[in-house]
N, C-alpha and C. Protein backbone atom coordinates (compact mmCIF):
# COMPACT_ATOMS: atom_id res chain seq x y z
N MET A 1 -3.65 35.50 14.22
CA MET A 1 -2.58 35.29 13.27
C MET A 1 -3.18 34.73 11.98
N ALA A 2 -2.79 35.31 10.86
CA ALA A 2 -3.32 34.90 9.56
C ALA A 2 -2.60 33.63 9.09
N SER A 3 -3.38 32.74 8.51
CA SER A 3 -2.76 31.52 7.99
C SER A 3 -2.19 31.79 6.59
N ARG A 4 -1.20 31.02 6.25
CA ARG A 4 -0.57 31.15 4.93
C ARG A 4 -1.24 30.20 3.96
N VAL A 5 -1.38 30.62 2.73
CA VAL A 5 -1.99 29.81 1.70
C VAL A 5 -1.00 29.65 0.55
N ILE A 6 -0.79 28.42 0.18
CA ILE A 6 0.04 28.14 -0.99
C ILE A 6 -0.89 27.55 -2.04
N ASP A 7 -1.16 28.30 -3.07
CA ASP A 7 -2.09 27.88 -4.12
C ASP A 7 -1.32 27.14 -5.21
N LEU A 8 -1.26 25.82 -5.09
CA LEU A 8 -0.54 25.00 -6.07
C LEU A 8 -1.21 25.06 -7.44
N ASP A 9 -2.55 25.21 -7.45
CA ASP A 9 -3.24 25.32 -8.73
C ASP A 9 -2.79 26.57 -9.48
N ALA A 10 -2.65 27.68 -8.77
CA ALA A 10 -2.22 28.92 -9.42
C ALA A 10 -0.80 28.77 -9.95
N ALA A 11 0.06 28.14 -9.17
CA ALA A 11 1.44 27.94 -9.61
C ALA A 11 1.48 27.06 -10.86
N ARG A 12 0.67 26.03 -10.88
CA ARG A 12 0.64 25.13 -12.03
C ARG A 12 0.07 25.84 -13.26
N ARG A 13 -1.01 26.62 -13.06
CA ARG A 13 -1.59 27.35 -14.18
C ARG A 13 -0.58 28.34 -14.75
N GLU A 14 0.16 28.99 -13.89
CA GLU A 14 1.16 29.95 -14.34
C GLU A 14 2.27 29.26 -15.11
N ALA A 15 2.68 28.10 -14.65
CA ALA A 15 3.78 27.37 -15.29
C ALA A 15 3.36 26.75 -16.61
N GLU A 16 2.14 26.24 -16.68
CA GLU A 16 1.71 25.48 -17.84
C GLU A 16 0.64 26.17 -18.66
N GLY A 17 -0.03 27.11 -18.11
CA GLY A 17 -1.22 27.62 -18.76
C GLY A 17 -2.35 26.63 -18.49
N GLU A 18 -3.56 27.03 -18.74
CA GLU A 18 -4.67 26.10 -18.56
C GLU A 18 -4.53 24.99 -19.59
N ALA A 19 -4.33 23.81 -19.13
CA ALA A 19 -4.08 22.69 -20.03
C ALA A 19 -5.39 21.98 -20.37
N ASP A 20 -5.57 21.72 -21.64
CA ASP A 20 -6.73 20.98 -22.11
C ASP A 20 -6.37 19.51 -22.19
N PRO A 21 -7.38 18.64 -22.13
CA PRO A 21 -7.10 17.22 -22.32
C PRO A 21 -6.43 16.98 -23.67
N ILE A 22 -5.70 15.90 -23.76
CA ILE A 22 -4.98 15.55 -24.98
C ILE A 22 -5.86 14.61 -25.80
N LYS A 23 -6.19 15.02 -26.99
CA LYS A 23 -7.00 14.17 -27.87
C LYS A 23 -6.08 13.33 -28.74
N VAL A 24 -6.38 12.04 -28.80
CA VAL A 24 -5.61 11.08 -29.58
C VAL A 24 -6.59 10.34 -30.48
N ILE A 25 -6.27 10.26 -31.75
CA ILE A 25 -7.10 9.48 -32.67
C ILE A 25 -6.31 8.23 -33.01
N LEU A 26 -6.91 7.10 -32.69
CA LEU A 26 -6.26 5.81 -32.91
C LEU A 26 -7.35 4.79 -33.19
N MET A 27 -7.13 3.95 -34.15
CA MET A 27 -8.10 2.94 -34.55
C MET A 27 -9.41 3.61 -34.99
N ARG A 28 -9.28 4.78 -35.64
CA ARG A 28 -10.41 5.56 -36.14
C ARG A 28 -11.37 5.99 -35.04
N LYS A 29 -10.87 6.02 -33.82
CA LYS A 29 -11.67 6.45 -32.68
C LYS A 29 -10.91 7.53 -31.96
N GLU A 30 -11.63 8.36 -31.24
CA GLU A 30 -10.99 9.43 -30.48
C GLU A 30 -10.90 9.03 -29.01
N TRP A 31 -9.71 9.24 -28.46
CA TRP A 31 -9.44 8.96 -27.06
C TRP A 31 -8.99 10.26 -26.43
N GLU A 32 -9.29 10.44 -25.18
CA GLU A 32 -8.91 11.66 -24.50
C GLU A 32 -8.05 11.32 -23.29
N LEU A 33 -6.83 11.85 -23.28
CA LEU A 33 -5.91 11.65 -22.17
C LEU A 33 -5.99 12.87 -21.26
N PRO A 34 -5.80 12.68 -19.97
CA PRO A 34 -5.81 13.85 -19.07
C PRO A 34 -4.70 14.83 -19.44
N ALA A 35 -4.93 16.10 -19.15
CA ALA A 35 -3.95 17.14 -19.46
C ALA A 35 -2.64 16.91 -18.71
N GLU A 36 -2.72 16.37 -17.52
CA GLU A 36 -1.54 16.08 -16.71
C GLU A 36 -1.51 14.59 -16.41
N LEU A 37 -0.33 14.00 -16.49
CA LEU A 37 -0.21 12.57 -16.23
C LEU A 37 -0.58 12.27 -14.79
N PRO A 38 -1.63 11.49 -14.56
CA PRO A 38 -2.00 11.15 -13.19
C PRO A 38 -0.92 10.27 -12.55
N ALA A 39 -0.57 10.56 -11.33
CA ALA A 39 0.46 9.79 -10.63
C ALA A 39 0.07 8.31 -10.54
N ALA A 40 -1.22 8.03 -10.44
CA ALA A 40 -1.69 6.65 -10.30
C ALA A 40 -1.35 5.79 -11.51
N VAL A 41 -1.08 6.41 -12.65
CA VAL A 41 -0.72 5.66 -13.86
C VAL A 41 0.53 4.82 -13.61
N LEU A 42 1.44 5.34 -12.81
CA LEU A 42 2.70 4.64 -12.57
C LEU A 42 2.63 3.63 -11.43
N ASP A 43 1.56 3.65 -10.65
CA ASP A 43 1.43 2.74 -9.50
C ASP A 43 1.68 1.27 -9.84
N PRO A 44 1.10 0.74 -10.93
CA PRO A 44 1.33 -0.68 -11.22
C PRO A 44 2.79 -1.03 -11.45
N LEU A 45 3.61 -0.05 -11.81
CA LEU A 45 5.03 -0.32 -12.03
C LEU A 45 5.82 -0.44 -10.73
N PHE A 46 5.22 0.07 -9.64
CA PHE A 46 5.96 0.13 -8.38
C PHE A 46 5.26 -0.62 -7.24
N ASP A 47 4.44 -1.59 -7.59
CA ASP A 47 3.71 -2.30 -6.53
C ASP A 47 4.48 -3.49 -5.97
N GLY A 48 5.72 -3.68 -6.40
CA GLY A 48 6.55 -4.76 -5.87
C GLY A 48 6.65 -5.96 -6.78
N GLU A 49 5.65 -6.17 -7.64
CA GLU A 49 5.68 -7.35 -8.51
C GLU A 49 6.71 -7.22 -9.62
N LEU A 50 7.10 -5.99 -9.94
CA LEU A 50 8.03 -5.78 -11.05
C LEU A 50 9.45 -5.47 -10.58
N ASP A 51 9.76 -5.79 -9.34
CA ASP A 51 11.11 -5.53 -8.83
C ASP A 51 12.18 -6.21 -9.67
N ASP A 52 11.91 -7.43 -10.15
CA ASP A 52 12.89 -8.12 -11.00
C ASP A 52 13.10 -7.38 -12.31
N LEU A 53 12.00 -6.86 -12.90
CA LEU A 53 12.12 -6.11 -14.14
C LEU A 53 12.90 -4.82 -13.90
N ILE A 54 12.60 -4.12 -12.82
CA ILE A 54 13.30 -2.88 -12.52
C ILE A 54 14.79 -3.16 -12.30
N ALA A 55 15.12 -4.27 -11.64
CA ALA A 55 16.52 -4.63 -11.45
C ALA A 55 17.20 -4.87 -12.80
N LEU A 56 16.50 -5.51 -13.74
CA LEU A 56 17.06 -5.73 -15.07
C LEU A 56 17.29 -4.40 -15.78
N LEU A 57 16.32 -3.48 -15.66
CA LEU A 57 16.46 -2.17 -16.31
C LEU A 57 17.61 -1.38 -15.72
N VAL A 58 17.73 -1.42 -14.40
CA VAL A 58 18.84 -0.71 -13.76
C VAL A 58 20.16 -1.30 -14.23
N ASP A 59 20.21 -2.61 -14.35
CA ASP A 59 21.42 -3.27 -14.82
C ASP A 59 21.78 -2.82 -16.25
N LEU A 60 20.77 -2.69 -17.10
CA LEU A 60 21.02 -2.30 -18.49
C LEU A 60 21.21 -0.80 -18.67
N LEU A 61 20.47 0.01 -17.89
CA LEU A 61 20.50 1.46 -18.08
C LEU A 61 21.45 2.18 -17.15
N GLY A 62 21.85 1.54 -16.09
CA GLY A 62 22.73 2.19 -15.11
C GLY A 62 21.95 2.63 -13.89
N GLU A 63 22.66 3.17 -12.95
CA GLU A 63 22.08 3.53 -11.65
C GLU A 63 21.53 4.94 -11.59
N GLY A 64 21.48 5.67 -12.71
CA GLY A 64 21.01 7.05 -12.65
C GLY A 64 22.08 7.97 -12.10
N ASP A 65 23.33 7.69 -12.44
CA ASP A 65 24.45 8.45 -11.91
C ASP A 65 24.70 9.74 -12.67
N GLY A 66 23.79 10.11 -13.56
CA GLY A 66 23.93 11.36 -14.28
C GLY A 66 24.76 11.26 -15.54
N ASN A 67 25.24 10.06 -15.87
CA ASN A 67 26.03 9.91 -17.08
C ASN A 67 25.17 9.92 -18.33
N GLY A 68 23.86 9.89 -18.16
CA GLY A 68 22.94 10.03 -19.28
C GLY A 68 23.08 8.95 -20.33
N VAL A 69 22.60 7.75 -20.04
CA VAL A 69 22.66 6.65 -20.99
C VAL A 69 21.83 7.03 -22.21
N ASN A 70 22.43 6.96 -23.37
CA ASN A 70 21.75 7.26 -24.62
C ASN A 70 20.88 6.07 -24.99
N LYS A 71 19.61 6.33 -25.34
CA LYS A 71 18.71 5.22 -25.66
C LYS A 71 19.22 4.38 -26.82
N ASP A 72 20.04 4.97 -27.69
CA ASP A 72 20.60 4.22 -28.81
C ASP A 72 21.67 3.24 -28.35
N ASP A 73 22.21 3.46 -27.15
CA ASP A 73 23.24 2.58 -26.61
C ASP A 73 22.67 1.41 -25.81
N VAL A 74 21.37 1.42 -25.55
CA VAL A 74 20.74 0.38 -24.76
C VAL A 74 20.44 -0.81 -25.65
N ASP A 75 20.82 -1.98 -25.21
CA ASP A 75 20.58 -3.21 -25.96
C ASP A 75 19.22 -3.78 -25.52
N PHE A 76 18.16 -3.34 -26.22
CA PHE A 76 16.83 -3.79 -25.85
C PHE A 76 16.62 -5.27 -26.13
N SER A 77 17.37 -5.83 -27.07
CA SER A 77 17.25 -7.27 -27.32
C SER A 77 17.76 -8.05 -26.11
N ALA A 78 18.76 -7.50 -25.41
CA ALA A 78 19.25 -8.14 -24.18
C ALA A 78 18.17 -8.10 -23.11
N LEU A 79 17.45 -6.99 -23.03
CA LEU A 79 16.36 -6.88 -22.07
C LEU A 79 15.27 -7.91 -22.39
N VAL A 80 14.91 -8.00 -23.66
CA VAL A 80 13.88 -8.97 -24.07
C VAL A 80 14.33 -10.39 -23.74
N ARG A 81 15.60 -10.71 -24.01
CA ARG A 81 16.11 -12.06 -23.70
C ARG A 81 16.04 -12.35 -22.21
N ARG A 82 16.40 -11.35 -21.39
CA ARG A 82 16.38 -11.55 -19.95
C ARG A 82 14.95 -11.72 -19.43
N ILE A 83 14.03 -10.94 -19.97
CA ILE A 83 12.63 -11.08 -19.55
C ILE A 83 12.09 -12.43 -19.99
N ALA A 84 12.41 -12.82 -21.22
CA ALA A 84 11.91 -14.10 -21.75
C ALA A 84 12.42 -15.28 -20.94
N ALA A 85 13.57 -15.13 -20.30
CA ALA A 85 14.13 -16.21 -19.49
C ALA A 85 13.33 -16.42 -18.20
N LYS A 86 12.47 -15.47 -17.87
CA LYS A 86 11.64 -15.57 -16.67
C LYS A 86 10.18 -15.43 -17.08
N PRO A 87 9.53 -16.53 -17.50
CA PRO A 87 8.16 -16.45 -18.02
C PRO A 87 7.16 -15.73 -17.09
N GLN A 88 7.29 -15.91 -15.78
CA GLN A 88 6.36 -15.24 -14.87
C GLN A 88 6.53 -13.73 -14.95
N LEU A 89 7.73 -13.25 -15.29
CA LEU A 89 7.97 -11.82 -15.41
C LEU A 89 7.26 -11.25 -16.63
N VAL A 90 7.15 -12.05 -17.70
CA VAL A 90 6.45 -11.60 -18.91
C VAL A 90 4.99 -11.32 -18.58
N SER A 91 4.32 -12.27 -17.96
CA SER A 91 2.89 -12.09 -17.67
C SER A 91 2.68 -10.98 -16.64
N THR A 92 3.55 -10.88 -15.66
CA THR A 92 3.44 -9.83 -14.64
C THR A 92 3.64 -8.46 -15.28
N THR A 93 4.61 -8.34 -16.17
CA THR A 93 4.88 -7.07 -16.86
C THR A 93 3.69 -6.67 -17.72
N LEU A 94 3.15 -7.61 -18.48
CA LEU A 94 2.00 -7.30 -19.34
C LEU A 94 0.79 -6.86 -18.51
N ARG A 95 0.55 -7.54 -17.39
CA ARG A 95 -0.57 -7.15 -16.51
C ARG A 95 -0.36 -5.73 -15.97
N ALA A 96 0.86 -5.43 -15.57
CA ALA A 96 1.16 -4.10 -15.03
C ALA A 96 0.98 -3.03 -16.10
N LEU A 97 1.44 -3.30 -17.31
CA LEU A 97 1.29 -2.31 -18.39
C LEU A 97 -0.18 -2.09 -18.73
N ARG A 98 -0.96 -3.15 -18.75
CA ARG A 98 -2.40 -3.00 -19.01
C ARG A 98 -3.05 -2.17 -17.90
N SER A 99 -2.61 -2.37 -16.67
CA SER A 99 -3.14 -1.56 -15.55
C SER A 99 -2.76 -0.09 -15.71
N CYS A 100 -1.56 0.16 -16.21
CA CYS A 100 -1.14 1.55 -16.46
C CYS A 100 -2.05 2.21 -17.50
N TYR A 101 -2.32 1.49 -18.58
CA TYR A 101 -3.22 2.02 -19.62
C TYR A 101 -4.63 2.24 -19.06
N GLU A 102 -5.09 1.33 -18.25
CA GLU A 102 -6.42 1.47 -17.65
C GLU A 102 -6.48 2.74 -16.79
N GLN A 103 -5.43 2.98 -16.01
CA GLN A 103 -5.37 4.19 -15.20
C GLN A 103 -5.33 5.45 -16.08
N LEU A 104 -4.59 5.39 -17.17
CA LEU A 104 -4.45 6.54 -18.06
C LEU A 104 -5.77 6.87 -18.76
N LEU A 105 -6.46 5.87 -19.26
CA LEU A 105 -7.68 6.10 -20.03
C LEU A 105 -8.91 6.31 -19.15
N GLY A 106 -8.91 5.77 -17.96
CA GLY A 106 -10.10 5.85 -17.12
C GLY A 106 -11.06 4.71 -17.45
N PRO A 107 -11.99 4.41 -16.55
CA PRO A 107 -12.85 3.23 -16.70
C PRO A 107 -13.67 3.17 -17.99
N GLU A 108 -14.32 4.27 -18.36
CA GLU A 108 -15.18 4.24 -19.55
C GLU A 108 -14.37 4.06 -20.82
N GLN A 109 -13.31 4.83 -20.96
CA GLN A 109 -12.49 4.70 -22.17
C GLN A 109 -11.78 3.37 -22.19
N TRP A 110 -11.37 2.84 -21.04
CA TRP A 110 -10.69 1.54 -20.99
C TRP A 110 -11.63 0.45 -21.51
N GLN A 111 -12.89 0.53 -21.13
CA GLN A 111 -13.87 -0.45 -21.61
C GLN A 111 -14.00 -0.34 -23.13
N ARG A 112 -14.11 0.89 -23.66
CA ARG A 112 -14.19 1.10 -25.11
C ARG A 112 -12.92 0.58 -25.79
N TRP A 113 -11.76 0.82 -25.17
CA TRP A 113 -10.48 0.37 -25.72
C TRP A 113 -10.48 -1.15 -25.87
N ASN A 114 -10.90 -1.84 -24.82
CA ASN A 114 -10.94 -3.31 -24.87
C ASN A 114 -11.95 -3.82 -25.88
N GLU A 115 -13.07 -3.14 -25.99
CA GLU A 115 -14.08 -3.53 -26.98
C GLU A 115 -13.56 -3.37 -28.41
N ALA A 116 -12.66 -2.43 -28.62
CA ALA A 116 -12.07 -2.20 -29.94
C ALA A 116 -11.02 -3.26 -30.29
N ARG A 117 -10.62 -4.07 -29.31
CA ARG A 117 -9.65 -5.15 -29.50
C ARG A 117 -8.36 -4.67 -30.17
N PRO A 118 -7.67 -3.73 -29.52
CA PRO A 118 -6.45 -3.18 -30.12
C PRO A 118 -5.34 -4.23 -30.17
N GLY A 119 -4.51 -4.08 -31.18
CA GLY A 119 -3.34 -4.94 -31.31
C GLY A 119 -2.16 -4.34 -30.57
N LEU A 120 -1.08 -5.05 -30.53
CA LEU A 120 0.13 -4.61 -29.85
C LEU A 120 0.61 -3.27 -30.40
N LYS A 121 0.51 -3.10 -31.73
CA LYS A 121 0.95 -1.85 -32.35
C LYS A 121 0.17 -0.66 -31.80
N SER A 122 -1.13 -0.83 -31.56
CA SER A 122 -1.95 0.25 -31.01
C SER A 122 -1.51 0.60 -29.59
N TYR A 123 -1.22 -0.42 -28.79
CA TYR A 123 -0.72 -0.16 -27.44
C TYR A 123 0.60 0.62 -27.49
N LEU A 124 1.49 0.21 -28.38
CA LEU A 124 2.78 0.88 -28.50
C LEU A 124 2.61 2.32 -28.96
N LEU A 125 1.72 2.55 -29.93
CA LEU A 125 1.48 3.92 -30.41
C LEU A 125 0.90 4.81 -29.31
N LEU A 126 -0.05 4.27 -28.56
CA LEU A 126 -0.62 5.06 -27.46
C LEU A 126 0.45 5.36 -26.41
N GLY A 127 1.27 4.37 -26.10
CA GLY A 127 2.34 4.56 -25.12
C GLY A 127 3.35 5.60 -25.59
N LYS A 128 3.78 5.51 -26.85
CA LYS A 128 4.74 6.48 -27.39
C LYS A 128 4.15 7.88 -27.38
N THR A 129 2.87 7.99 -27.74
CA THR A 129 2.21 9.29 -27.76
C THR A 129 2.16 9.88 -26.37
N ALA A 130 1.77 9.07 -25.39
CA ALA A 130 1.67 9.56 -24.02
C ALA A 130 3.04 9.98 -23.49
N VAL A 131 4.06 9.18 -23.73
CA VAL A 131 5.41 9.51 -23.26
C VAL A 131 5.88 10.82 -23.88
N ALA A 132 5.65 10.98 -25.18
CA ALA A 132 6.08 12.20 -25.86
C ALA A 132 5.29 13.41 -25.35
N GLU A 133 4.01 13.25 -25.16
CA GLU A 133 3.16 14.37 -24.75
C GLU A 133 3.41 14.79 -23.31
N TYR A 134 3.58 13.82 -22.43
CA TYR A 134 3.80 14.14 -21.02
C TYR A 134 5.26 14.43 -20.70
N GLY A 135 6.16 14.01 -21.58
CA GLY A 135 7.57 14.28 -21.35
C GLY A 135 8.18 13.42 -20.26
N VAL A 136 7.66 12.23 -20.07
CA VAL A 136 8.18 11.32 -19.05
C VAL A 136 8.79 10.13 -19.76
N SER A 137 10.10 9.93 -19.55
CA SER A 137 10.75 8.78 -20.15
C SER A 137 10.71 7.61 -19.17
N LEU A 138 10.98 6.42 -19.65
CA LEU A 138 10.99 5.25 -18.78
C LEU A 138 12.04 5.41 -17.69
N GLY A 139 13.20 5.93 -18.06
CA GLY A 139 14.27 6.14 -17.06
C GLY A 139 13.84 7.10 -15.97
N GLU A 140 13.15 8.19 -16.35
CA GLU A 140 12.65 9.14 -15.35
C GLU A 140 11.60 8.49 -14.47
N ALA A 141 10.71 7.72 -15.08
CA ALA A 141 9.65 7.07 -14.31
C ALA A 141 10.22 6.08 -13.31
N LEU A 142 11.33 5.45 -13.66
CA LEU A 142 11.95 4.47 -12.77
C LEU A 142 12.96 5.09 -11.83
N GLY A 143 13.11 6.41 -11.90
CA GLY A 143 14.05 7.09 -11.02
C GLY A 143 15.50 6.91 -11.43
N LEU A 144 15.74 6.62 -12.71
CA LEU A 144 17.10 6.37 -13.18
C LEU A 144 17.77 7.63 -13.72
N SER A 145 17.01 8.70 -13.91
CA SER A 145 17.59 9.94 -14.42
C SER A 145 17.99 10.83 -13.27
N SER A 146 19.11 11.46 -13.42
CA SER A 146 19.58 12.39 -12.40
C SER A 146 18.91 13.73 -12.61
N SER A 147 18.37 14.32 -11.53
CA SER A 147 17.71 15.60 -11.68
C SER A 147 18.70 16.75 -11.68
N SER A 148 19.88 16.52 -11.16
CA SER A 148 20.89 17.58 -11.20
C SER A 148 22.05 17.09 -12.04
N GLY A 149 22.25 17.76 -13.16
CA GLY A 149 23.29 17.34 -14.07
C GLY A 149 24.60 18.03 -13.79
N ASP A 150 25.58 17.77 -14.63
CA ASP A 150 26.89 18.37 -14.47
C ASP A 150 27.02 19.66 -15.26
N GLY A 151 25.89 20.14 -15.80
CA GLY A 151 25.92 21.37 -16.58
C GLY A 151 26.31 21.12 -18.01
N GLY A 152 26.47 19.87 -18.40
CA GLY A 152 26.85 19.54 -19.77
C GLY A 152 25.67 19.69 -20.71
N LYS A 153 25.95 19.50 -21.98
CA LYS A 153 24.94 19.64 -23.02
C LYS A 153 23.94 18.50 -22.92
N THR A 154 22.66 18.81 -23.05
CA THR A 154 21.63 17.79 -23.04
C THR A 154 21.53 17.18 -24.43
N SER A 155 21.01 15.95 -24.49
CA SER A 155 20.94 15.28 -25.77
C SER A 155 19.84 15.84 -26.65
N LYS A 156 18.81 16.44 -26.04
CA LYS A 156 17.73 17.06 -26.81
C LYS A 156 17.12 18.16 -25.96
N PRO A 157 16.45 19.09 -26.58
CA PRO A 157 15.82 20.16 -25.80
C PRO A 157 14.81 19.59 -24.83
N THR A 158 14.70 20.22 -23.67
CA THR A 158 13.75 19.72 -22.67
C THR A 158 12.35 20.20 -22.92
N SER A 159 12.17 21.23 -23.72
CA SER A 159 10.83 21.66 -24.10
C SER A 159 10.89 22.32 -25.45
N PRO A 160 9.80 22.17 -26.22
CA PRO A 160 9.79 22.79 -27.54
C PRO A 160 9.77 24.31 -27.41
N ALA A 161 10.37 24.97 -28.38
CA ALA A 161 10.40 26.44 -28.37
C ALA A 161 9.02 26.99 -28.68
N ALA A 162 8.64 28.05 -27.99
CA ALA A 162 7.42 28.81 -28.22
C ALA A 162 6.15 27.99 -28.07
N THR A 163 6.18 26.92 -27.31
CA THR A 163 4.96 26.18 -27.02
C THR A 163 4.96 25.86 -25.55
N SER A 164 3.80 25.54 -25.07
CA SER A 164 3.74 25.16 -23.66
C SER A 164 4.12 23.71 -23.51
N THR A 165 4.60 23.35 -22.36
CA THR A 165 4.94 21.96 -22.09
C THR A 165 3.97 21.41 -21.08
N ARG A 166 3.76 20.15 -21.16
CA ARG A 166 2.92 19.49 -20.18
C ARG A 166 3.84 18.79 -19.21
N GLY A 167 3.71 19.09 -17.98
CA GLY A 167 4.57 18.46 -16.98
C GLY A 167 4.02 17.12 -16.56
N GLY A 168 4.86 16.13 -16.51
CA GLY A 168 4.43 14.84 -16.02
C GLY A 168 4.66 14.77 -14.54
N SER A 169 3.92 13.93 -13.88
CA SER A 169 4.17 13.77 -12.45
C SER A 169 5.45 13.01 -12.27
N GLY A 170 6.09 13.23 -11.20
CA GLY A 170 7.40 12.62 -10.97
C GLY A 170 7.32 11.16 -10.63
N SER A 171 8.45 10.60 -10.45
CA SER A 171 8.57 9.20 -10.11
C SER A 171 8.08 8.93 -8.72
N ARG A 172 7.45 7.79 -8.52
CA ARG A 172 7.03 7.38 -7.20
C ARG A 172 8.13 6.60 -6.53
N ARG A 173 9.25 6.42 -7.22
CA ARG A 173 10.36 5.64 -6.71
C ARG A 173 10.80 6.11 -5.32
N GLY A 174 10.89 7.42 -5.15
CA GLY A 174 11.37 7.97 -3.89
C GLY A 174 10.36 7.86 -2.76
N THR A 175 9.07 7.63 -3.10
CA THR A 175 8.04 7.59 -2.07
C THR A 175 7.66 6.17 -1.70
N ARG A 176 8.25 5.23 -2.37
CA ARG A 176 7.90 3.83 -2.13
C ARG A 176 8.45 3.37 -0.80
N SER A 177 7.66 2.64 -0.05
CA SER A 177 8.13 2.16 1.24
C SER A 177 8.53 0.73 1.18
């Protein structure tokens, strides 16, 4: 009896085309992000230490019931106030975010990044660039977005016209034990 083969690489190549690494120029240096968002990048967000932060986000963004919370409707100052009320959550969140960046850049680039002594603005720019390029929003990463909608109009196109899209890896929320 012949065994069946499911070639996930072929399916991915067909869906995305051969994806090249993403080049980012920041702080007059070139950084290279992987063509596909590694699942391990999100691990620090789901290791249990940020459960309080995730609870705050769910409270502010909703339960992912498909109602599609508009980012303009989210009171981020309320989130900052709630995080600031729990000092241990601030340091835990910052450690987790730094671990995410370390996973994204890889060991050699992470060392170069730290040697460059980036400011907060550089971290934010790199984060915004990665989110835009990979197409993964914070709500999706936290499992707050509904994958099956009501067929209503989306707030923005899900992929640019006539260009390839880079697929991000899905949320680890559903696989967490």
